[in-house]
Amino acid sequence: LKPYTPEPKVFLGQLAYLQLSQFEIL
């Protein structure tokens, strides 16, 4: 998977919003 990891900003941006949205739902 290493060659297909998005750049840090993209990777962290979508991961952060996934966590925030899950917190909102809970």
mmCIF file of all heavy atoms, coordinates in Angstrom:
data_MODEL
# 
_entry.id   MODEL 
# 
loop_
_atom_site.group_PDB 
_atom_site.id 
_atom_site.type_symbol 
_atom_site.label_atom_id 
_atom_site.label_alt_id 
_atom_site.label_comp_id 
_atom_site.label_asym_id 
_atom_site.label_entity_id 
_atom_site.label_seq_id 
_atom_site.pdbx_PDB_ins_code 
_atom_site.Cartn_x 
_atom_site.Cartn_y 
_atom_site.Cartn_z 
_atom_site.occupancy 
_atom_site.B_iso_or_equiv 
_atom_site.pdbx_formal_charge 
_atom_site.auth_seq_id 
_atom_site.auth_comp_id 
_atom_site.auth_asym_id 
_atom_site.auth_atom_id 
_atom_site.pdbx_PDB_model_num 
ATOM 1   N N   . LEU A 1 1  ? 0.804   -1.217 0.000  1.00 0.00 ? 1  LEU A N   1 
ATOM 2   C CA  . LEU A 1 1  ? 0.000   0.000  0.000  1.00 0.00 ? 1  LEU A CA  1 
ATOM 3   C C   . LEU A 1 1  ? 0.842   1.273  0.000  1.00 0.00 ? 1  LEU A C   1 
ATOM 4   O O   . LEU A 1 1  ? 0.312   2.356  -0.243 1.00 0.00 ? 1  LEU A O   1 
ATOM 5   C CB  . LEU A 1 1  ? -0.927  0.009  1.217  1.00 0.00 ? 1  LEU A CB  1 
ATOM 6   C CG  . LEU A 1 1  ? -1.988  -1.091 1.278  1.00 0.00 ? 1  LEU A CG  1 
ATOM 7   C CD1 . LEU A 1 1  ? -2.805  -0.938 2.556  1.00 0.00 ? 1  LEU A CD1 1 
ATOM 8   C CD2 . LEU A 1 1  ? -2.891  -1.042 0.065  1.00 0.00 ? 1  LEU A CD2 1 
ATOM 9   N N   . LYS A 1 2  ? 2.110   1.130  0.245  1.00 0.00 ? 2  LYS A N   1 
ATOM 10  C CA  . LYS A 1 2  ? 2.949   2.317  0.400  1.00 0.00 ? 2  LYS A CA  1 
ATOM 11  C C   . LYS A 1 2  ? 2.887   3.276  -0.785 1.00 0.00 ? 2  LYS A C   1 
ATOM 12  O O   . LYS A 1 2  ? 2.774   4.489  -0.599 1.00 0.00 ? 2  LYS A O   1 
ATOM 13  C CB  . LYS A 1 2  ? 4.404   1.893  0.669  1.00 0.00 ? 2  LYS A CB  1 
ATOM 14  C CG  . LYS A 1 2  ? 5.328   3.047  1.028  1.00 0.00 ? 2  LYS A CG  1 
ATOM 15  C CD  . LYS A 1 2  ? 6.693   2.534  1.443  1.00 0.00 ? 2  LYS A CD  1 
ATOM 16  C CE  . LYS A 1 2  ? 7.602   3.675  1.876  1.00 0.00 ? 2  LYS A CE  1 
ATOM 17  N NZ  . LYS A 1 2  ? 8.934   3.182  2.320  1.00 0.00 ? 2  LYS A NZ  1 
ATOM 18  N N   . PRO A 1 3  ? 2.950   2.784  -2.035 1.00 0.00 ? 3  PRO A N   1 
ATOM 19  C CA  . PRO A 1 3  ? 2.917   3.728  -3.164 1.00 0.00 ? 3  PRO A CA  1 
ATOM 20  C C   . PRO A 1 3  ? 1.576   4.441  -3.320 1.00 0.00 ? 3  PRO A C   1 
ATOM 21  O O   . PRO A 1 3  ? 1.480   5.422  -4.041 1.00 0.00 ? 3  PRO A O   1 
ATOM 22  C CB  . PRO A 1 3  ? 3.194   2.820  -4.381 1.00 0.00 ? 3  PRO A CB  1 
ATOM 23  C CG  . PRO A 1 3  ? 3.804   1.584  -3.828 1.00 0.00 ? 3  PRO A CG  1 
ATOM 24  C CD  . PRO A 1 3  ? 3.171   1.402  -2.496 1.00 0.00 ? 3  PRO A CD  1 
ATOM 25  N N   . TYR A 1 4  ? 0.525   3.957  -2.667 1.00 0.00 ? 4  TYR A N   1 
ATOM 26  C CA  . TYR A 1 4  ? -0.813  4.483  -2.888 1.00 0.00 ? 4  TYR A CA  1 
ATOM 27  C C   . TYR A 1 4  ? -1.337  5.294  -1.705 1.00 0.00 ? 4  TYR A C   1 
ATOM 28  O O   . TYR A 1 4  ? -2.509  5.646  -1.663 1.00 0.00 ? 4  TYR A O   1 
ATOM 29  C CB  . TYR A 1 4  ? -1.765  3.322  -3.207 1.00 0.00 ? 4  TYR A CB  1 
ATOM 30  C CG  . TYR A 1 4  ? -1.181  2.402  -4.248 1.00 0.00 ? 4  TYR A CG  1 
ATOM 31  C CD1 . TYR A 1 4  ? -0.966  1.060  -3.968 1.00 0.00 ? 4  TYR A CD1 1 
ATOM 32  C CD2 . TYR A 1 4  ? -0.801  2.890  -5.490 1.00 0.00 ? 4  TYR A CD2 1 
ATOM 33  C CE1 . TYR A 1 4  ? -0.394  0.223  -4.910 1.00 0.00 ? 4  TYR A CE1 1 
ATOM 34  C CE2 . TYR A 1 4  ? -0.234  2.061  -6.434 1.00 0.00 ? 4  TYR A CE2 1 
ATOM 35  C CZ  . TYR A 1 4  ? -0.026  0.733  -6.156 1.00 0.00 ? 4  TYR A CZ  1 
ATOM 36  O OH  . TYR A 1 4  ? 0.530   -0.086 -7.089 1.00 0.00 ? 4  TYR A OH  1 
ATOM 37  N N   . THR A 1 5  ? -0.465  5.574  -0.750 1.00 0.00 ? 5  THR A N   1 
ATOM 38  C CA  . THR A 1 5  ? -0.845  6.424  0.374  1.00 0.00 ? 5  THR A CA  1 
ATOM 39  C C   . THR A 1 5  ? -0.951  7.864  -0.103 1.00 0.00 ? 5  THR A C   1 
ATOM 40  O O   . THR A 1 5  ? -0.024  8.383  -0.721 1.00 0.00 ? 5  THR A O   1 
ATOM 41  C CB  . THR A 1 5  ? 0.197   6.342  1.499  1.00 0.00 ? 5  THR A CB  1 
ATOM 42  O OG1 . THR A 1 5  ? 0.361   4.979  1.892  1.00 0.00 ? 5  THR A OG1 1 
ATOM 43  C CG2 . THR A 1 5  ? -0.231  7.174  2.697  1.00 0.00 ? 5  THR A CG2 1 
ATOM 44  N N   . PRO A 1 6  ? -2.079  8.540  0.148  1.00 0.00 ? 6  PRO A N   1 
ATOM 45  C CA  . PRO A 1 6  ? -2.186  9.950  -0.249 1.00 0.00 ? 6  PRO A CA  1 
ATOM 46  C C   . PRO A 1 6  ? -1.154  10.804 0.472  1.00 0.00 ? 6  PRO A C   1 
ATOM 47  O O   . PRO A 1 6  ? -0.574  10.391 1.482  1.00 0.00 ? 6  PRO A O   1 
ATOM 48  C CB  . PRO A 1 6  ? -3.613  10.331 0.181  1.00 0.00 ? 6  PRO A CB  1 
ATOM 49  C CG  . PRO A 1 6  ? -4.334  9.039  0.356  1.00 0.00 ? 6  PRO A CG  1 
ATOM 50  C CD  . PRO A 1 6  ? -3.302  8.050  0.807  1.00 0.00 ? 6  PRO A CD  1 
ATOM 51  N N   . GLU A 1 7  ? -0.950  12.012 -0.032 1.00 0.00 ? 7  GLU A N   1 
ATOM 52  C CA  . GLU A 1 7  ? -0.044  12.930 0.652  1.00 0.00 ? 7  GLU A CA  1 
ATOM 53  C C   . GLU A 1 7  ? -0.585  13.221 2.054  1.00 0.00 ? 7  GLU A C   1 
ATOM 54  O O   . GLU A 1 7  ? -1.792  13.092 2.304  1.00 0.00 ? 7  GLU A O   1 
ATOM 55  C CB  . GLU A 1 7  ? 0.097   14.217 -0.157 1.00 0.00 ? 7  GLU A CB  1 
ATOM 56  C CG  . GLU A 1 7  ? -1.211  14.955 -0.374 1.00 0.00 ? 7  GLU A CG  1 
ATOM 57  C CD  . GLU A 1 7  ? -1.007  16.211 -1.193 1.00 0.00 ? 7  GLU A CD  1 
ATOM 58  O OE1 . GLU A 1 7  ? 0.081   16.784 -1.114 1.00 0.00 ? 7  GLU A OE1 1 
ATOM 59  O OE2 . GLU A 1 7  ? -1.935  16.622 -1.893 1.00 0.00 ? 7  GLU A OE2 1 
ATOM 60  N N   . PRO A 1 8  ? 0.286   13.615 2.999  1.00 0.00 ? 8  PRO A N   1 
ATOM 61  C CA  . PRO A 1 8  ? -0.141  13.767 4.399  1.00 0.00 ? 8  PRO A CA  1 
ATOM 62  C C   . PRO A 1 8  ? -1.370  14.632 4.605  1.00 0.00 ? 8  PRO A C   1 
ATOM 63  O O   . PRO A 1 8  ? -2.248  14.291 5.405  1.00 0.00 ? 8  PRO A O   1 
ATOM 64  C CB  . PRO A 1 8  ? 1.099   14.376 5.064  1.00 0.00 ? 8  PRO A CB  1 
ATOM 65  C CG  . PRO A 1 8  ? 2.245   13.858 4.252  1.00 0.00 ? 8  PRO A CG  1 
ATOM 66  C CD  . PRO A 1 8  ? 1.736   13.814 2.839  1.00 0.00 ? 8  PRO A CD  1 
ATOM 67  N N   . LYS A 1 9  ? -1.474  15.761 3.900  1.00 0.00 ? 9  LYS A N   1 
ATOM 68  C CA  . LYS A 1 9  ? -2.619  16.645 4.096  1.00 0.00 ? 9  LYS A CA  1 
ATOM 69  C C   . LYS A 1 9  ? -3.923  15.936 3.725  1.00 0.00 ? 9  LYS A C   1 
ATOM 70  O O   . LYS A 1 9  ? -4.927  16.022 4.450  1.00 0.00 ? 9  LYS A O   1 
ATOM 71  C CB  . LYS A 1 9  ? -2.463  17.918 3.259  1.00 0.00 ? 9  LYS A CB  1 
ATOM 72  C CG  . LYS A 1 9  ? -3.657  18.860 3.377  1.00 0.00 ? 9  LYS A CG  1 
ATOM 73  C CD  . LYS A 1 9  ? -3.483  20.080 2.485  1.00 0.00 ? 9  LYS A CD  1 
ATOM 74  C CE  . LYS A 1 9  ? -4.738  20.983 2.546  1.00 0.00 ? 9  LYS A CE  1 
ATOM 75  N NZ  . LYS A 1 9  ? -4.600  22.162 1.662  1.00 0.00 ? 9  LYS A NZ  1 
ATOM 76  N N   . VAL A 1 10 ? -3.909  15.225 2.610  1.00 0.00 ? 10 VAL A N   1 
ATOM 77  C CA  . VAL A 1 10 ? -5.103  14.502 2.155  1.00 0.00 ? 10 VAL A CA  1 
ATOM 78  C C   . VAL A 1 10 ? -5.417  13.349 3.100  1.00 0.00 ? 10 VAL A C   1 
ATOM 79  O O   . VAL A 1 10 ? -6.562  13.145 3.510  1.00 0.00 ? 10 VAL A O   1 
ATOM 80  C CB  . VAL A 1 10 ? -4.907  13.988 0.715  1.00 0.00 ? 10 VAL A CB  1 
ATOM 81  C CG1 . VAL A 1 10 ? -6.069  13.077 0.301  1.00 0.00 ? 10 VAL A CG1 1 
ATOM 82  C CG2 . VAL A 1 10 ? -4.756  15.150 -0.251 1.00 0.00 ? 10 VAL A CG2 1 
ATOM 83  N N   . PHE A 1 11 ? -4.389  12.600 3.444  1.00 0.00 ? 11 PHE A N   1 
ATOM 84  C CA  . PHE A 1 11 ? -4.560  11.452 4.335  1.00 0.00 ? 11 PHE A CA  1 
ATOM 85  C C   . PHE A 1 11 ? -5.158  11.885 5.675  1.00 0.00 ? 11 PHE A C   1 
ATOM 86  O O   . PHE A 1 11 ? -6.170  11.345 6.131  1.00 0.00 ? 11 PHE A O   1 
ATOM 87  C CB  . PHE A 1 11 ? -3.214  10.768 4.555  1.00 0.00 ? 11 PHE A CB  1 
ATOM 88  C CG  . PHE A 1 11 ? -3.268  9.572  5.466  1.00 0.00 ? 11 PHE A CG  1 
ATOM 89  C CD1 . PHE A 1 11 ? -3.394  8.297  4.946  1.00 0.00 ? 11 PHE A CD1 1 
ATOM 90  C CD2 . PHE A 1 11 ? -3.180  9.716  6.852  1.00 0.00 ? 11 PHE A CD2 1 
ATOM 91  C CE1 . PHE A 1 11 ? -3.440  7.187  5.786  1.00 0.00 ? 11 PHE A CE1 1 
ATOM 92  C CE2 . PHE A 1 11 ? -3.228  8.615  7.688  1.00 0.00 ? 11 PHE A CE2 1 
ATOM 93  C CZ  . PHE A 1 11 ? -3.357  7.349  7.152  1.00 0.00 ? 11 PHE A CZ  1 
ATOM 94  N N   . LEU A 1 12 ? -4.531  12.885 6.300  1.00 0.00 ? 12 LEU A N   1 
ATOM 95  C CA  . LEU A 1 12 ? -4.969  13.325 7.628  1.00 0.00 ? 12 LEU A CA  1 
ATOM 96  C C   . LEU A 1 12 ? -6.297  14.069 7.567  1.00 0.00 ? 12 LEU A C   1 
ATOM 97  O O   . LEU A 1 12 ? -7.101  13.977 8.499  1.00 0.00 ? 12 LEU A O   1 
ATOM 98  C CB  . LEU A 1 12 ? -3.897  14.199 8.264  1.00 0.00 ? 12 LEU A CB  1 
ATOM 99  C CG  . LEU A 1 12 ? -2.564  13.506 8.579  1.00 0.00 ? 12 LEU A CG  1 
ATOM 100 C CD1 . LEU A 1 12 ? -1.548  14.521 9.085  1.00 0.00 ? 12 LEU A CD1 1 
ATOM 101 C CD2 . LEU A 1 12 ? -2.757  12.390 9.600  1.00 0.00 ? 12 LEU A CD2 1 
ATOM 102 N N   . GLY A 1 13 ? -6.541  14.789 6.487  1.00 0.00 ? 13 GLY A N   1 
ATOM 103 C CA  . GLY A 1 13 ? -7.773  15.554 6.371  1.00 0.00 ? 13 GLY A CA  1 
ATOM 104 C C   . GLY A 1 13 ? -9.004  14.662 6.359  1.00 0.00 ? 13 GLY A C   1 
ATOM 105 O O   . GLY A 1 13 ? -9.964  14.891 7.116  1.00 0.00 ? 13 GLY A O   1 
ATOM 106 N N   . GLN A 1 14 ? -8.978  13.610 5.534  1.00 0.00 ? 14 GLN A N   1 
ATOM 107 C CA  . GLN A 1 14 ? -10.153 12.731 5.481  1.00 0.00 ? 14 GLN A CA  1 
ATOM 108 C C   . GLN A 1 14 ? -10.262 11.871 6.741  1.00 0.00 ? 14 GLN A C   1 
ATOM 109 O O   . GLN A 1 14 ? -11.372 11.606 7.225  1.00 0.00 ? 14 GLN A O   1 
ATOM 110 C CB  . GLN A 1 14 ? -10.147 11.878 4.226  1.00 0.00 ? 14 GLN A CB  1 
ATOM 111 C CG  . GLN A 1 14 ? -8.926  11.060 3.965  1.00 0.00 ? 14 GLN A CG  1 
ATOM 112 C CD  . GLN A 1 14 ? -8.953  10.421 2.580  1.00 0.00 ? 14 GLN A CD  1 
ATOM 113 O OE1 . GLN A 1 14 ? -10.011 10.199 1.992  1.00 0.00 ? 14 GLN A OE1 1 
ATOM 114 N NE2 . GLN A 1 14 ? -7.777  10.108 2.048  1.00 0.00 ? 14 GLN A NE2 1 
ATOM 115 N N   . LEU A 1 15 ? -9.128  11.464 7.295  1.00 0.00 ? 15 LEU A N   1 
ATOM 116 C CA  . LEU A 1 15 ? -9.165  10.679 8.530  1.00 0.00 ? 15 LEU A CA  1 
ATOM 117 C C   . LEU A 1 15 ? -9.718  11.519 9.684  1.00 0.00 ? 15 LEU A C   1 
ATOM 118 O O   . LEU A 1 15 ? -10.525 11.027 10.494 1.00 0.00 ? 15 LEU A O   1 
ATOM 119 C CB  . LEU A 1 15 ? -7.767  10.175 8.864  1.00 0.00 ? 15 LEU A CB  1 
ATOM 120 C CG  . LEU A 1 15 ? -7.634  9.363  10.158 1.00 0.00 ? 15 LEU A CG  1 
ATOM 121 C CD1 . LEU A 1 15 ? -8.578  8.158  10.153 1.00 0.00 ? 15 LEU A CD1 1 
ATOM 122 C CD2 . LEU A 1 15 ? -6.184  8.898  10.355 1.00 0.00 ? 15 LEU A CD2 1 
ATOM 123 N N   . ALA A 1 16 ? -9.312  12.774 9.762  1.00 0.00 ? 16 ALA A N   1 
ATOM 124 C CA  . ALA A 1 16 ? -9.796  13.649 10.835 1.00 0.00 ? 16 ALA A CA  1 
ATOM 125 C C   . ALA A 1 16 ? -11.307 13.836 10.747 1.00 0.00 ? 16 ALA A C   1 
ATOM 126 O O   . ALA A 1 16 ? -12.014 13.766 11.763 1.00 0.00 ? 16 ALA A O   1 
ATOM 127 C CB  . ALA A 1 16 ? -9.092  15.002 10.760 1.00 0.00 ? 16 ALA A CB  1 
ATOM 128 N N   . TYR A 1 17 ? -11.809 14.055 9.528  1.00 0.00 ? 17 TYR A N   1 
ATOM 129 C CA  . TYR A 1 17 ? -13.254 14.283 9.429  1.00 0.00 ? 17 TYR A CA  1 
ATOM 130 C C   . TYR A 1 17 ? -14.051 13.006 9.682  1.00 0.00 ? 17 TYR A C   1 
ATOM 131 O O   . TYR A 1 17 ? -15.164 13.059 10.211 1.00 0.00 ? 17 TYR A O   1 
ATOM 132 C CB  . TYR A 1 17 ? -13.641 14.877 8.074  1.00 0.00 ? 17 TYR A CB  1 
ATOM 133 C CG  . TYR A 1 17 ? -15.045 15.449 8.140  1.00 0.00 ? 17 TYR A CG  1 
ATOM 134 C CD1 . TYR A 1 17 ? -15.272 16.659 8.774  1.00 0.00 ? 17 TYR A CD1 1 
ATOM 135 C CD2 . TYR A 1 17 ? -16.135 14.742 7.632  1.00 0.00 ? 17 TYR A CD2 1 
ATOM 136 C CE1 . TYR A 1 17 ? -16.557 17.172 8.900  1.00 0.00 ? 17 TYR A CE1 1 
ATOM 137 C CE2 . TYR A 1 17 ? -17.420 15.246 7.750  1.00 0.00 ? 17 TYR A CE2 1 
ATOM 138 C CZ  . TYR A 1 17 ? -17.622 16.462 8.388  1.00 0.00 ? 17 TYR A CZ  1 
ATOM 139 O OH  . TYR A 1 17 ? -18.901 16.953 8.521  1.00 0.00 ? 17 TYR A OH  1 
ATOM 140 N N   . LEU A 1 18 ? -13.504 11.865 9.322  1.00 0.00 ? 18 LEU A N   1 
ATOM 141 C CA  . LEU A 1 18 ? -14.166 10.605 9.659  1.00 0.00 ? 18 LEU A CA  1 
ATOM 142 C C   . LEU A 1 18 ? -14.325 10.462 11.168 1.00 0.00 ? 18 LEU A C   1 
ATOM 143 O O   . LEU A 1 18 ? -15.395 10.085 11.663 1.00 0.00 ? 18 LEU A O   1 
ATOM 144 C CB  . LEU A 1 18 ? -13.370 9.419  9.103  1.00 0.00 ? 18 LEU A CB  1 
ATOM 145 C CG  . LEU A 1 18 ? -13.596 9.069  7.640  1.00 0.00 ? 18 LEU A CG  1 
ATOM 146 C CD1 . LEU A 1 18 ? -12.546 8.065  7.166  1.00 0.00 ? 18 LEU A CD1 1 
ATOM 147 C CD2 . LEU A 1 18 ? -15.000 8.507  7.418  1.00 0.00 ? 18 LEU A CD2 1 
ATOM 148 N N   . GLN A 1 19 ? -13.270 10.784 11.913 1.00 0.00 ? 19 GLN A N   1 
ATOM 149 C CA  . GLN A 1 19 ? -13.336 10.684 13.373 1.00 0.00 ? 19 GLN A CA  1 
ATOM 150 C C   . GLN A 1 19 ? -14.302 11.710 13.956 1.00 0.00 ? 19 GLN A C   1 
ATOM 151 O O   . GLN A 1 19 ? -15.088 11.400 14.867 1.00 0.00 ? 19 GLN A O   1 
ATOM 152 C CB  . GLN A 1 19 ? -11.941 10.866 13.979 1.00 0.00 ? 19 GLN A CB  1 
ATOM 153 C CG  . GLN A 1 19 ? -10.915 9.838  13.534 1.00 0.00 ? 19 GLN A CG  1 
ATOM 154 C CD  . GLN A 1 19 ? -11.294 8.423  13.929 1.00 0.00 ? 19 GLN A CD  1 
ATOM 155 O OE1 . GLN A 1 19 ? -11.958 8.189  14.934 1.00 0.00 ? 19 GLN A OE1 1 
ATOM 156 N NE2 . GLN A 1 19 ? -10.875 7.451  13.123 1.00 0.00 ? 19 GLN A NE2 1 
ATOM 157 N N   . LEU A 1 20 ? -14.280 12.915 13.422 1.00 0.00 ? 20 LEU A N   1 
ATOM 158 C CA  . LEU A 1 20 ? -15.173 13.960 13.913 1.00 0.00 ? 20 LEU A CA  1 
ATOM 159 C C   . LEU A 1 20 ? -16.635 13.602 13.638 1.00 0.00 ? 20 LEU A C   1 
ATOM 160 O O   . LEU A 1 20 ? -17.508 13.793 14.491 1.00 0.00 ? 20 LEU A O   1 
ATOM 161 C CB  . LEU A 1 20 ? -14.828 15.300 13.258 1.00 0.00 ? 20 LEU A CB  1 
ATOM 162 C CG  . LEU A 1 20 ? -15.635 16.516 13.719 1.00 0.00 ? 20 LEU A CG  1 
ATOM 163 C CD1 . LEU A 1 20 ? -15.470 16.751 15.218 1.00 0.00 ? 20 LEU A CD1 1 
ATOM 164 C CD2 . LEU A 1 20 ? -15.219 17.765 12.925 1.00 0.00 ? 20 LEU A CD2 1 
ATOM 165 N N   . SER A 1 21 ? -16.906 13.067 12.449 1.00 0.00 ? 21 SER A N   1 
ATOM 166 C CA  . SER A 1 21 ? -18.281 12.707 12.100 1.00 0.00 ? 21 SER A CA  1 
ATOM 167 C C   . SER A 1 21 ? -18.781 11.543 12.949 1.00 0.00 ? 21 SER A C   1 
ATOM 168 O O   . SER A 1 21 ? -19.957 11.491 13.322 1.00 0.00 ? 21 SER A O   1 
ATOM 169 C CB  . SER A 1 21 ? -18.377 12.363 10.611 1.00 0.00 ? 21 SER A CB  1 
ATOM 170 O OG  . SER A 1 21 ? -17.603 11.214 10.291 1.00 0.00 ? 21 SER A OG  1 
ATOM 171 N N   . GLN A 1 22 ? -17.899 10.615 13.280 1.00 0.00 ? 22 GLN A N   1 
ATOM 172 C CA  . GLN A 1 22 ? -18.304 9.502  14.140 1.00 0.00 ? 22 GLN A CA  1 
ATOM 173 C C   . GLN A 1 22 ? -18.610 10.002 15.550 1.00 0.00 ? 22 GLN A C   1 
ATOM 174 O O   . GLN A 1 22 ? -19.568 9.538  16.186 1.00 0.00 ? 22 GLN A O   1 
ATOM 175 C CB  . GLN A 1 22 ? -17.204 8.442  14.167 1.00 0.00 ? 22 GLN A CB  1 
ATOM 176 C CG  . GLN A 1 22 ? -17.096 7.667  12.865 1.00 0.00 ? 22 GLN A CG  1 
ATOM 177 C CD  . GLN A 1 22 ? -15.882 6.759  12.813 1.00 0.00 ? 22 GLN A CD  1 
ATOM 178 O OE1 . GLN A 1 22 ? -15.299 6.422  13.846 1.00 0.00 ? 22 GLN A OE1 1 
ATOM 179 N NE2 . GLN A 1 22 ? -15.486 6.356  11.619 1.00 0.00 ? 22 GLN A NE2 1 
ATOM 180 N N   . PHE A 1 23 ? -17.812 10.941 16.033 1.00 0.00 ? 23 PHE A N   1 
ATOM 181 C CA  . PHE A 1 23 ? -18.082 11.547 17.339 1.00 0.00 ? 23 PHE A CA  1 
ATOM 182 C C   . PHE A 1 23 ? -19.451 12.234 17.333 1.00 0.00 ? 23 PHE A C   1 
ATOM 183 O O   . PHE A 1 23 ? -20.240 12.098 18.275 1.00 0.00 ? 23 PHE A O   1 
ATOM 184 C CB  . PHE A 1 23 ? -16.980 12.559 17.678 1.00 0.00 ? 23 PHE A CB  1 
ATOM 185 C CG  . PHE A 1 23 ? -17.337 13.487 18.802 1.00 0.00 ? 23 PHE A CG  1 
ATOM 186 C CD1 . PHE A 1 23 ? -17.344 13.043 20.118 1.00 0.00 ? 23 PHE A CD1 1 
ATOM 187 C CD2 . PHE A 1 23 ? -17.672 14.809 18.545 1.00 0.00 ? 23 PHE A CD2 1 
ATOM 188 C CE1 . PHE A 1 23 ? -17.687 13.893 21.160 1.00 0.00 ? 23 PHE A CE1 1 
ATOM 189 C CE2 . PHE A 1 23 ? -18.010 15.677 19.579 1.00 0.00 ? 23 PHE A CE2 1 
ATOM 190 C CZ  . PHE A 1 23 ? -18.017 15.211 20.894 1.00 0.00 ? 23 PHE A CZ  1 
ATOM 191 N N   . GLU A 1 24 ? -19.749 12.952 16.247 1.00 0.00 ? 24 GLU A N   1 
ATOM 192 C CA  . GLU A 1 24 ? -21.027 13.650 16.138 1.00 0.00 ? 24 GLU A CA  1 
ATOM 193 C C   . GLU A 1 24 ? -22.198 12.662 16.177 1.00 0.00 ? 24 GLU A C   1 
ATOM 194 O O   . GLU A 1 24 ? -23.209 12.896 16.848 1.00 0.00 ? 24 GLU A O   1 
ATOM 195 C CB  . GLU A 1 24 ? -21.062 14.448 14.838 1.00 0.00 ? 24 GLU A CB  1 
ATOM 196 C CG  . GLU A 1 24 ? -22.345 15.230 14.632 1.00 0.00 ? 24 GLU A CG  1 
ATOM 197 C CD  . GLU A 1 24 ? -22.361 15.956 13.304 1.00 0.00 ? 24 GLU A CD  1 
ATOM 198 O OE1 . GLU A 1 24 ? -21.540 15.622 12.424 1.00 0.00 ? 24 GLU A OE1 1 
ATOM 199 O OE2 . GLU A 1 24 ? -23.212 16.850 13.141 1.00 0.00 ? 24 GLU A OE2 1 
ATOM 200 N N   . ILE A 1 25 ? -22.066 11.536 15.472 1.00 0.00 ? 25 ILE A N   1 
ATOM 201 C CA  . ILE A 1 25 ? -23.133 10.534 15.437 1.00 0.00 ? 25 ILE A CA  1 
ATOM 202 C C   . ILE A 1 25 ? -23.328 9.915  16.815 1.00 0.00 ? 25 ILE A C   1 
ATOM 203 O O   . ILE A 1 25 ? -24.463 9.745  17.293 1.00 0.00 ? 25 ILE A O   1 
ATOM 204 C CB  . ILE A 1 25 ? -22.811 9.443  14.399 1.00 0.00 ? 25 ILE A CB  1 
ATOM 205 C CG1 . ILE A 1 25 ? -22.871 10.027 12.992 1.00 0.00 ? 25 ILE A CG1 1 
ATOM 206 C CG2 . ILE A 1 25 ? -23.773 8.262  14.516 1.00 0.00 ? 25 ILE A CG2 1 
ATOM 207 C CD1 . ILE A 1 25 ? -22.361 9.104  11.921 1.00 0.00 ? 25 ILE A CD1 1 
ATOM 208 N N   . LEU A 1 26 ? -22.227 9.575  17.480 1.00 0.00 ? 26 LEU A N   1 
ATOM 209 C CA  . LEU A 1 26 ? -22.330 8.938  18.795 1.00 0.00 ? 26 LEU A CA  1 
ATOM 210 C C   . LEU A 1 26 ? -22.977 9.868  19.824 1.00 0.00 ? 26 LEU A C   1 
ATOM 211 O O   . LEU A 1 26 ? -23.822 9.442  20.615 1.00 0.00 ? 26 LEU A O   1 
ATOM 212 C CB  . LEU A 1 26 ? -20.945 8.495  19.273 1.00 0.00 ? 26 LEU A CB  1 
ATOM 213 C CG  . LEU A 1 26 ? -20.288 7.366  18.475 1.00 0.00 ? 26 LEU A CG  1 
ATOM 214 C CD1 . LEU A 1 26 ? -18.892 7.073  19.021 1.00 0.00 ? 26 LEU A CD1 1 
ATOM 215 C CD2 . LEU A 1 26 ? -21.144 6.113  18.510 1.00 0.00 ? 26 LEU A CD2 1 
# 
